Every structure is written in structure tokens, then in C-alpha cells.
């Protein structure tokens, strides 16, 4: 899309473009994570792509996953 065409977008079109861009970025991140060995189920991946929270709670599960990845890849946290 040419920059001059962007000026002619309605608010609805701008919102749709922003949502589409966000979904494309989340899809790219899920694909990259899987390529580097992330253990994502299809359900978790779909939640991420759709922009829904994958889990609730205090973040303990994410901390455990991070520590497991750090140990697996010999990262220093």
C-alpha cells in the first residue's frame, strides 16, 4: 500500500490493519519459537496467535518454563 493510500483509510480499515499486523507478528513469533525448540501445543500456539492469555496466575509457571529453558540451553539468568 502506498503512503498516499493510507491517508484514505477509514478508522475501521486502520483498526483491521493493526489487528492483522499484530496477528502476523504473533504467528511469526510462534513459528520462530517452535523452530528453536519451544514445546508449544497446538492449543497454546493458537491462543498466542489469537492474542488470548495462555495461562492465568502469578507467573510461577512461566518462571519454571524459563528456568527449564535456561538449563536446557546453558543460559545465565
PDB file of N, CA and C in Angstrom:
ATOM      1  N   UNK A   1       0.839  -1.165   0.000  1.00  0.00           N
ATOM      2  CA  UNK A   1       0.000   0.000   0.000  1.00  0.00           C
ATOM      3  C   UNK A   1       0.892   1.240   0.000  1.00  0.00           C
ATOM      4  N   UNK A   2       0.591   2.125  -0.874  1.00  0.00           N
ATOM      5  CA  UNK A   2       1.345   3.370  -0.971  1.00  0.00           C
ATOM      6  C   UNK A   2       0.977   4.283   0.204  1.00  0.00           C
ATOM      7  N   UNK A   3       1.911   5.111   0.680  1.00  0.00           N
ATOM      8  CA  UNK A   3       1.607   6.014   1.794  1.00  0.00           C
ATOM      9  C   UNK A   3       0.411   6.926   1.523  1.00  0.00           C
ATOM     10  N   UNK A   4       0.232   7.335   0.270  1.00  0.00           N
ATOM     11  CA  UNK A   4      -0.900   8.204  -0.040  1.00  0.00           C
ATOM     12  C   UNK A   4      -2.222   7.472   0.133  1.00  0.00           C
ATOM     13  N   UNK A   5      -2.218   6.162  -0.049  1.00  0.00           N
ATOM     14  CA  UNK A   5      -3.442   5.390   0.135  1.00  0.00           C
ATOM     15  C   UNK A   5      -3.780   5.243   1.612  1.00  0.00           C
ATOM     16  N   UNK A   6      -2.789   5.247   2.459  1.00  0.00           N
ATOM     17  CA  UNK A   6      -3.023   5.118   3.893  1.00  0.00           C
ATOM     18  C   UNK A   6      -3.836   6.295   4.421  1.00  0.00           C
ATOM     19  N   UNK A   7      -3.681   7.440   3.821  1.00  0.00           N
ATOM     20  CA  UNK A   7      -4.426   8.616   4.260  1.00  0.00           C
ATOM     21  C   UNK A   7      -5.916   8.477   3.964  1.00  0.00           C
ATOM     22  N   UNK A   8      -6.262   7.577   3.100  1.00  0.00           N
ATOM     23  CA  UNK A   8      -7.660   7.397   2.717  1.00  0.00           C
ATOM     24  C   UNK A   8      -8.333   6.274   3.484  1.00  0.00           C
ATOM     25  N   UNK A   9      -7.641   5.663   4.415  1.00  0.00           N
ATOM     26  CA  UNK A   9      -8.218   4.566   5.173  1.00  0.00           C
ATOM     27  C   UNK A   9      -9.217   5.087   6.201  1.00  0.00           C
ATOM     28  N   UNK A  10     -10.294   4.343   6.360  1.00  0.00           N
ATOM     29  CA  UNK A  10     -11.274   4.687   7.385  1.00  0.00           C
ATOM     30  C   UNK A  10     -10.756   4.163   8.726  1.00  0.00           C
ATOM     31  N   UNK A  11     -11.304   4.649   9.819  1.00  0.00           N
ATOM     32  CA  UNK A  11     -10.886   4.123  11.123  1.00  0.00           C
ATOM     33  C   UNK A  11     -11.065   2.594  11.216  1.00  0.00           C
ATOM     34  N   UNK A  12     -12.117   2.073  10.645  1.00  0.00           N
ATOM     35  CA  UNK A  12     -12.338   0.632  10.670  1.00  0.00           C
ATOM     36  C   UNK A  12     -11.234  -0.101   9.912  1.00  0.00           C
ATOM     37  N   UNK A  13     -10.840   0.444   8.777  1.00  0.00           N
ATOM     38  CA  UNK A  13      -9.761  -0.171   7.990  1.00  0.00           C
ATOM     39  C   UNK A  13      -8.426  -0.094   8.741  1.00  0.00           C
ATOM     40  N   UNK A  14      -8.180   1.024   9.412  1.00  0.00           N
ATOM     41  CA  UNK A  14      -6.940   1.153  10.185  1.00  0.00           C
ATOM     42  C   UNK A  14      -6.916   0.146  11.333  1.00  0.00           C
ATOM     43  N   UNK A  15      -8.056  -0.027  11.997  1.00  0.00           N
ATOM     44  CA  UNK A  15      -8.136  -0.990  13.084  1.00  0.00           C
ATOM     45  C   UNK A  15      -7.917  -2.407  12.568  1.00  0.00           C
ATOM     46  N   UNK A  16      -8.530  -2.750  11.443  1.00  0.00           N
ATOM     47  CA  UNK A  16      -8.357  -4.078  10.853  1.00  0.00           C
ATOM     48  C   UNK A  16      -6.903  -4.307  10.453  1.00  0.00           C
ATOM     49  N   UNK A  17      -6.252  -3.279   9.922  1.00  0.00           N
ATOM     50  CA  UNK A  17      -4.847  -3.405   9.532  1.00  0.00           C
ATOM     51  C   UNK A  17      -3.964  -3.626  10.761  1.00  0.00           C
ATOM     52  N   UNK A  18      -4.240  -2.916  11.837  1.00  0.00           N
ATOM     53  CA  UNK A  18      -3.456  -3.076  13.067  1.00  0.00           C
ATOM     54  C   UNK A  18      -3.644  -4.473  13.651  1.00  0.00           C
ATOM     55  N   UNK A  19      -4.873  -4.966  13.661  1.00  0.00           N
ATOM     56  CA  UNK A  19      -5.127  -6.311  14.180  1.00  0.00           C
ATOM     57  C   UNK A  19      -4.454  -7.364  13.306  1.00  0.00           C
ATOM     58  N   UNK A  20      -4.503  -7.181  12.011  1.00  0.00           N
ATOM     59  CA  UNK A  20      -3.858  -8.128  11.095  1.00  0.00           C
ATOM     60  C   UNK A  20      -2.353  -8.140  11.278  1.00  0.00           C
ATOM     61  N   UNK A  21      -1.764  -6.969  11.468  1.00  0.00           N
ATOM     62  CA  UNK A  21      -0.319  -6.883  11.680  1.00  0.00           C
ATOM     63  C   UNK A  21       0.053  -7.584  12.978  1.00  0.00           C
ATOM     64  N   UNK A  22      -0.727  -7.342  14.032  1.00  0.00           N
ATOM     65  CA  UNK A  22      -0.445  -7.974  15.323  1.00  0.00           C
ATOM     66  C   UNK A  22      -0.520  -9.486  15.235  1.00  0.00           C
ATOM     67  N   UNK A  23      -1.530  -9.986  14.543  1.00  0.00           N
ATOM     68  CA  UNK A  23      -1.679 -11.438  14.388  1.00  0.00           C
ATOM     69  C   UNK A  23      -0.504 -12.013  13.592  1.00  0.00           C
ATOM     70  N   UNK A  24      -0.083 -11.301  12.557  1.00  0.00           N
ATOM     71  CA  UNK A  24       1.051 -11.769  11.752  1.00  0.00           C
ATOM     72  C   UNK A  24       2.323 -11.821  12.595  1.00  0.00           C
ATOM     73  N   UNK A  25       2.539 -10.836  13.463  1.00  0.00           N
ATOM     74  CA  UNK A  25       3.714 -10.824  14.322  1.00  0.00           C
ATOM     75  C   UNK A  25       3.667 -11.962  15.332  1.00  0.00           C
ATOM     76  N   UNK A  26       2.494 -12.194  15.933  1.00  0.00           N
ATOM     77  CA  UNK A  26       2.381 -13.297  16.895  1.00  0.00           C
ATOM     78  C   UNK A  26       2.602 -14.639  16.207  1.00  0.00           C
ATOM     79  N   UNK A  27       2.106 -14.784  14.979  1.00  0.00           N
ATOM     80  CA  UNK A  27       2.323 -16.012  14.213  1.00  0.00           C
ATOM     81  C   UNK A  27       3.810 -16.211  13.946  1.00  0.00           C
ATOM     82  N   UNK A  28       4.495 -15.134  13.588  1.00  0.00           N
ATOM     83  CA  UNK A  28       5.933 -15.208  13.335  1.00  0.00           C
ATOM     84  C   UNK A  28       6.687 -15.612  14.598  1.00  0.00           C
ATOM     85  N   UNK A  29       6.302 -15.065  15.736  1.00  0.00           N
ATOM     86  CA  UNK A  29       6.974 -15.401  16.985  1.00  0.00           C
ATOM     87  C   UNK A  29       6.734 -16.857  17.381  1.00  0.00           C
ATOM     88  N   UNK A  30       5.520 -17.360  17.192  1.00  0.00           N
ATOM     89  CA  UNK A  30       5.231 -18.767  17.500  1.00  0.00           C
ATOM     90  C   UNK A  30       6.044 -19.672  16.589  1.00  0.00           C
ATOM     91  N   UNK A  31       6.110 -19.338  15.313  1.00  0.00           N
ATOM     92  CA  UNK A  31       6.872 -20.137  14.362  1.00  0.00           C
ATOM     93  C   UNK A  31       8.347 -20.148  14.730  1.00  0.00           C
ATOM     94  N   UNK A  32       8.877 -19.002  15.097  1.00  0.00           N
ATOM     95  CA  UNK A  32      10.283 -18.905  15.497  1.00  0.00           C
ATOM     96  C   UNK A  32      10.535 -19.703  16.774  1.00  0.00           C
ATOM     97  N   UNK A  33       9.631 -19.586  17.727  1.00  0.00           N
ATOM     98  CA  UNK A  33       9.795 -20.318  18.984  1.00  0.00           C
ATOM     99  C   UNK A  33       9.807 -21.822  18.738  1.00  0.00           C
ATOM    100  N   UNK A  34       8.912 -22.285  17.901  1.00  0.00           N
ATOM    101  CA  UNK A  34       8.881 -23.715  17.583  1.00  0.00           C
ATOM    102  C   UNK A  34      10.151 -24.142  16.854  1.00  0.00           C
ATOM    103  N   UNK A  35      10.658 -23.287  15.983  1.00  0.00           N
ATOM    104  CA  UNK A  35      11.881 -23.620  15.246  1.00  0.00           C
ATOM    105  C   UNK A  35      13.077 -23.771  16.185  1.00  0.00           C
ATOM    106  N   UNK A  36      13.049 -23.038  17.298  1.00  0.00           N
ATOM    107  CA  UNK A  36      14.143 -23.108  18.260  1.00  0.00           C
ATOM    108  C   UNK A  36      13.854 -24.067  19.405  1.00  0.00           C
ATOM    109  N   UNK A  37      12.849 -24.919  19.230  1.00  0.00           N
ATOM    110  CA  UNK A  37      12.622 -25.992  20.180  1.00  0.00           C
ATOM    111  C   UNK A  37      11.607 -25.758  21.276  1.00  0.00           C
ATOM    112  N   UNK A  38      10.806 -24.698  21.184  1.00  0.00           N
ATOM    113  CA  UNK A  38       9.784 -24.473  22.209  1.00  0.00           C
ATOM    114  C   UNK A  38       8.739 -25.578  22.123  1.00  0.00           C
ATOM    115  N   UNK A  39       8.331 -26.065  23.265  1.00  0.00           N
ATOM    116  CA  UNK A  39       7.349 -27.138  23.321  1.00  0.00           C
ATOM    117  C   UNK A  39       5.962 -26.517  23.476  1.00  0.00           C
ATOM    118  N   UNK A  40       5.387 -26.059  22.373  1.00  0.00           N
ATOM    119  CA  UNK A  40       4.063 -25.446  22.375  1.00  0.00           C
ATOM    120  C   UNK A  40       3.061 -26.417  21.774  1.00  0.00           C
ATOM    121  N   UNK A  41       1.973 -26.649  22.497  1.00  0.00           N
ATOM    122  CA  UNK A  41       0.909 -27.461  21.919  1.00  0.00           C
ATOM    123  C   UNK A  41       0.178 -26.621  20.871  1.00  0.00           C
ATOM    124  N   UNK A  42      -0.586 -27.282  20.056  1.00  0.00           N
ATOM    125  CA  UNK A  42      -1.346 -26.558  19.032  1.00  0.00           C
ATOM    126  C   UNK A  42      -2.321 -25.583  19.687  1.00  0.00           C
ATOM    127  N   UNK A  43      -2.898 -26.001  20.816  1.00  0.00           N
ATOM    128  CA  UNK A  43      -3.853 -25.146  21.529  1.00  0.00           C
ATOM    129  C   UNK A  43      -3.165 -23.891  22.070  1.00  0.00           C
ATOM    130  N   UNK A  44      -1.994 -24.063  22.690  1.00  0.00           N
ATOM    131  CA  UNK A  44      -1.251 -22.914  23.215  1.00  0.00           C
ATOM    132  C   UNK A  44      -0.834 -21.973  22.093  1.00  0.00           C
ATOM    133  N   UNK A  45      -0.349 -22.543  20.998  1.00  0.00           N
ATOM    134  CA  UNK A  45       0.070 -21.723  19.865  1.00  0.00           C
ATOM    135  C   UNK A  45      -1.101 -20.913  19.323  1.00  0.00           C
ATOM    136  N   UNK A  46      -2.265 -21.545  19.218  1.00  0.00           N
ATOM    137  CA  UNK A  46      -3.435 -20.843  18.698  1.00  0.00           C
ATOM    138  C   UNK A  46      -3.858 -19.718  19.628  1.00  0.00           C
ATOM    139  N   UNK A  47      -3.775 -19.941  20.932  1.00  0.00           N
ATOM    140  CA  UNK A  47      -4.114 -18.883  21.889  1.00  0.00           C
ATOM    141  C   UNK A  47      -3.167 -17.694  21.727  1.00  0.00           C
ATOM    142  N   UNK A  48      -1.880 -17.973  21.562  1.00  0.00           N
ATOM    143  CA  UNK A  48      -0.902 -16.895  21.392  1.00  0.00           C
ATOM    144  C   UNK A  48      -1.201 -16.123  20.116  1.00  0.00           C
ATOM    145  N   UNK A  49      -1.428 -16.840  19.032  1.00  0.00           N
ATOM    146  CA  UNK A  49      -1.685 -16.200  17.748  1.00  0.00           C
ATOM    147  C   UNK A  49      -2.939 -15.337  17.808  1.00  0.00           C
ATOM    148  N   UNK A  50      -3.966 -15.816  18.506  1.00  0.00           N
ATOM    149  CA  UNK A  50      -5.213 -15.055  18.606  1.00  0.00           C
ATOM    150  C   UNK A  50      -5.125 -13.913  19.622  1.00  0.00           C
ATOM    151  N   UNK A  51      -4.047 -13.886  20.408  1.00  0.00           N
ATOM    152  CA  UNK A  51      -3.853 -12.803  21.361  1.00  0.00           C
ATOM    153  C   UNK A  51      -4.551 -13.021  22.683  1.00  0.00           C
ATOM    154  N   UNK A  52      -4.952 -14.264  22.976  1.00  0.00           N
ATOM    155  CA  UNK A  52      -5.597 -14.574  24.250  1.00  0.00           C
ATOM    156  C   UNK A  52      -4.533 -15.006  25.248  1.00  0.00           C
ATOM    157  N   UNK A  53      -4.774 -14.772  26.537  1.00  0.00           N
ATOM    158  CA  UNK A  53      -3.819 -15.220  27.549  1.00  0.00           C
ATOM    159  C   UNK A  53      -3.685 -16.744  27.514  1.00  0.00           C
ATOM    160  N   UNK A  54      -2.478 -17.255  27.651  1.00  0.00           N
ATOM    161  CA  UNK A  54      -2.264 -18.696  27.611  1.00  0.00           C
ATOM    162  C   UNK A  54      -2.422 -19.319  28.985  1.00  0.00           C
ATOM    163  N   UNK A  55      -2.247 -18.556  30.034  1.00  0.00           N
ATOM    164  CA  UNK A  55      -2.431 -19.088  31.381  1.00  0.00           C
ATOM    165  C   UNK A  55      -2.756 -17.939  32.321  1.00  0.00           C
ATOM    166  N   UNK A  56      -3.313 -18.310  33.433  1.00  0.00           N
ATOM    167  CA  UNK A  56      -3.575 -17.300  34.455  1.00  0.00           C
ATOM    168  C   UNK A  56      -2.725 -17.638  35.666  1.00  0.00           C
ATOM    169  N   UNK A  57      -2.667 -16.732  36.582  1.00  0.00           N
ATOM    170  CA  UNK A  57      -1.889 -16.999  37.782  1.00  0.00           C
ATOM    171  C   UNK A  57      -0.845 -15.934  38.021  1.00  0.00           C
ATOM    172  N   UNK A  58       0.092 -16.283  38.864  1.00  0.00           N
ATOM    173  CA  UNK A  58       1.085 -15.310  39.292  1.00  0.00           C
ATOM    174  C   UNK A  58       2.380 -15.359  38.495  1.00  0.00           C
ATOM    175  N   UNK A  59       2.428 -16.145  37.448  1.00  0.00           N
ATOM    176  CA  UNK A  59       3.630 -16.206  36.634  1.00  0.00           C
ATOM    177  C   UNK A  59       4.594 -17.290  37.050  1.00  0.00           C
ATOM    178  N   UNK A  60       4.216 -18.089  38.033  1.00  0.00           N
ATOM    179  CA  UNK A  60       5.097 -19.148  38.508  1.00  0.00           C
ATOM    180  C   UNK A  60       5.375 -20.167  37.409  1.00  0.00           C
ATOM    181  N   UNK A  61       4.346 -20.501  36.643  1.00  0.00           N
ATOM    182  CA  UNK A  61       4.524 -21.467  35.546  1.00  0.00           C
ATOM    183  C   UNK A  61       5.507 -20.938  34.507  1.00  0.00           C
ATOM    184  N   UNK A  62       5.383 -19.655  34.157  1.00  0.00           N
ATOM    185  CA  UNK A  62       6.311 -19.072  33.185  1.00  0.00           C
ATOM    186  C   UNK A  62       7.733 -19.048  33.728  1.00  0.00           C
ATOM    187  N   UNK A  63       7.885 -18.782  35.025  1.00  0.00           N
ATOM    188  CA  UNK A  63       9.209 -18.763  35.636  1.00  0.00           C
ATOM    189  C   UNK A  63       9.838 -20.151  35.570  1.00  0.00           C
ATOM    190  N   UNK A  64       9.031 -21.181  35.836  1.00  0.00           N
ATOM    191  CA  UNK A  64       9.537 -22.551  35.772  1.00  0.00           C
ATOM    192  C   UNK A  64       9.949 -22.913  34.352  1.00  0.00           C
ATOM    193  N   UNK A  65       9.151 -22.495  33.382  1.00  0.00           N
ATOM    194  CA  UNK A  65       9.495 -22.758  31.976  1.00  0.00           C
ATOM    195  C   UNK A  65      10.788 -22.048  31.588  1.00  0.00           C
ATOM    196  N   UNK A  66      10.936 -20.810  32.032  1.00  0.00           N
ATOM    197  CA  UNK A  66      12.143 -20.049  31.733  1.00  0.00           C
ATOM    198  C   UNK A  66      13.366 -20.733  32.338  1.00  0.00           C
ATOM    199  N   UNK A  67      13.235 -21.180  33.566  1.00  0.00           N
ATOM    200  CA  UNK A  67      14.356 -21.861  34.217  1.00  0.00           C
ATOM    201  C   UNK A  67      14.698 -23.172  33.502  1.00  0.00           C
ATOM    202  N   UNK A  68      13.669 -23.898  33.046  1.00  0.00           N
ATOM    203  CA  UNK A  68      13.907 -25.141  32.310  1.00  0.00           C
ATOM    204  C   UNK A  68      14.620 -24.860  30.990  1.00  0.00           C
ATOM    205  N   UNK A  69      14.195 -23.806  30.286  1.00  0.00           N
ATOM    206  CA  UNK A  69      14.862 -23.435  29.036  1.00  0.00           C
ATOM    207  C   UNK A  69      16.295 -22.990  29.290  1.00  0.00           C
ATOM    208  N   UNK A  70      16.494 -22.227  30.355  1.00  0.00           N
ATOM    209  CA  UNK A  70      17.841 -21.756  30.685  1.00  0.00           C
ATOM    210  C   UNK A  70      18.768 -22.935  30.965  1.00  0.00           C
ATOM    211  N   UNK A  71      18.248 -23.924  31.689  1.00  0.00           N
ATOM    212  CA  UNK A  71      19.057 -25.107  31.979  1.00  0.00           C
ATOM    213  C   UNK A  71      19.339 -25.901  30.712  1.00  0.00           C
ATOM    214  N   UNK A  72      18.317 -26.046  29.869  1.00  0.00           N
ATOM    215  CA  UNK A  72      18.454 -26.810  28.626  1.00  0.00           C
ATOM    216  C   UNK A  72      19.492 -26.205  27.689  1.00  0.00           C
ATOM    217  N   UNK A  73      19.524 -24.869  27.619  1.00  0.00           N
ATOM    218  CA  UNK A  73      20.388 -24.172  26.668  1.00  0.00           C
ATOM    219  C   UNK A  73      21.627 -23.552  27.312  1.00  0.00           C
ATOM    220  N   UNK A  74      21.850 -23.842  28.589  1.00  0.00           N
ATOM    221  CA  UNK A  74      23.001 -23.315  29.329  1.00  0.00           C
ATOM    222  C   UNK A  74      23.053 -21.793  29.330  1.00  0.00           C
ATOM    223  N   UNK A  75      21.897 -21.179  29.591  1.00  0.00           N
ATOM    224  CA  UNK A  75      21.819 -19.722  29.666  1.00  0.00           C
ATOM    225  C   UNK A  75      22.110 -19.281  31.087  1.00  0.00           C
ATOM    226  N   UNK A  76      22.665 -18.082  31.223  1.00  0.00           N
ATOM    227  CA  UNK A  76      22.848 -17.467  32.538  1.00  0.00           C
ATOM    228  C   UNK A  76      21.694 -16.496  32.775  1.00  0.00           C
ATOM    229  N   UNK A  77      20.959 -16.699  33.835  1.00  0.00           N
ATOM    230  CA  UNK A  77      19.849 -15.787  34.151  1.00  0.00           C
ATOM    231  C   UNK A  77      20.244 -14.782  35.181  1.00  0.00           C
TER     232      UNK A  77
END
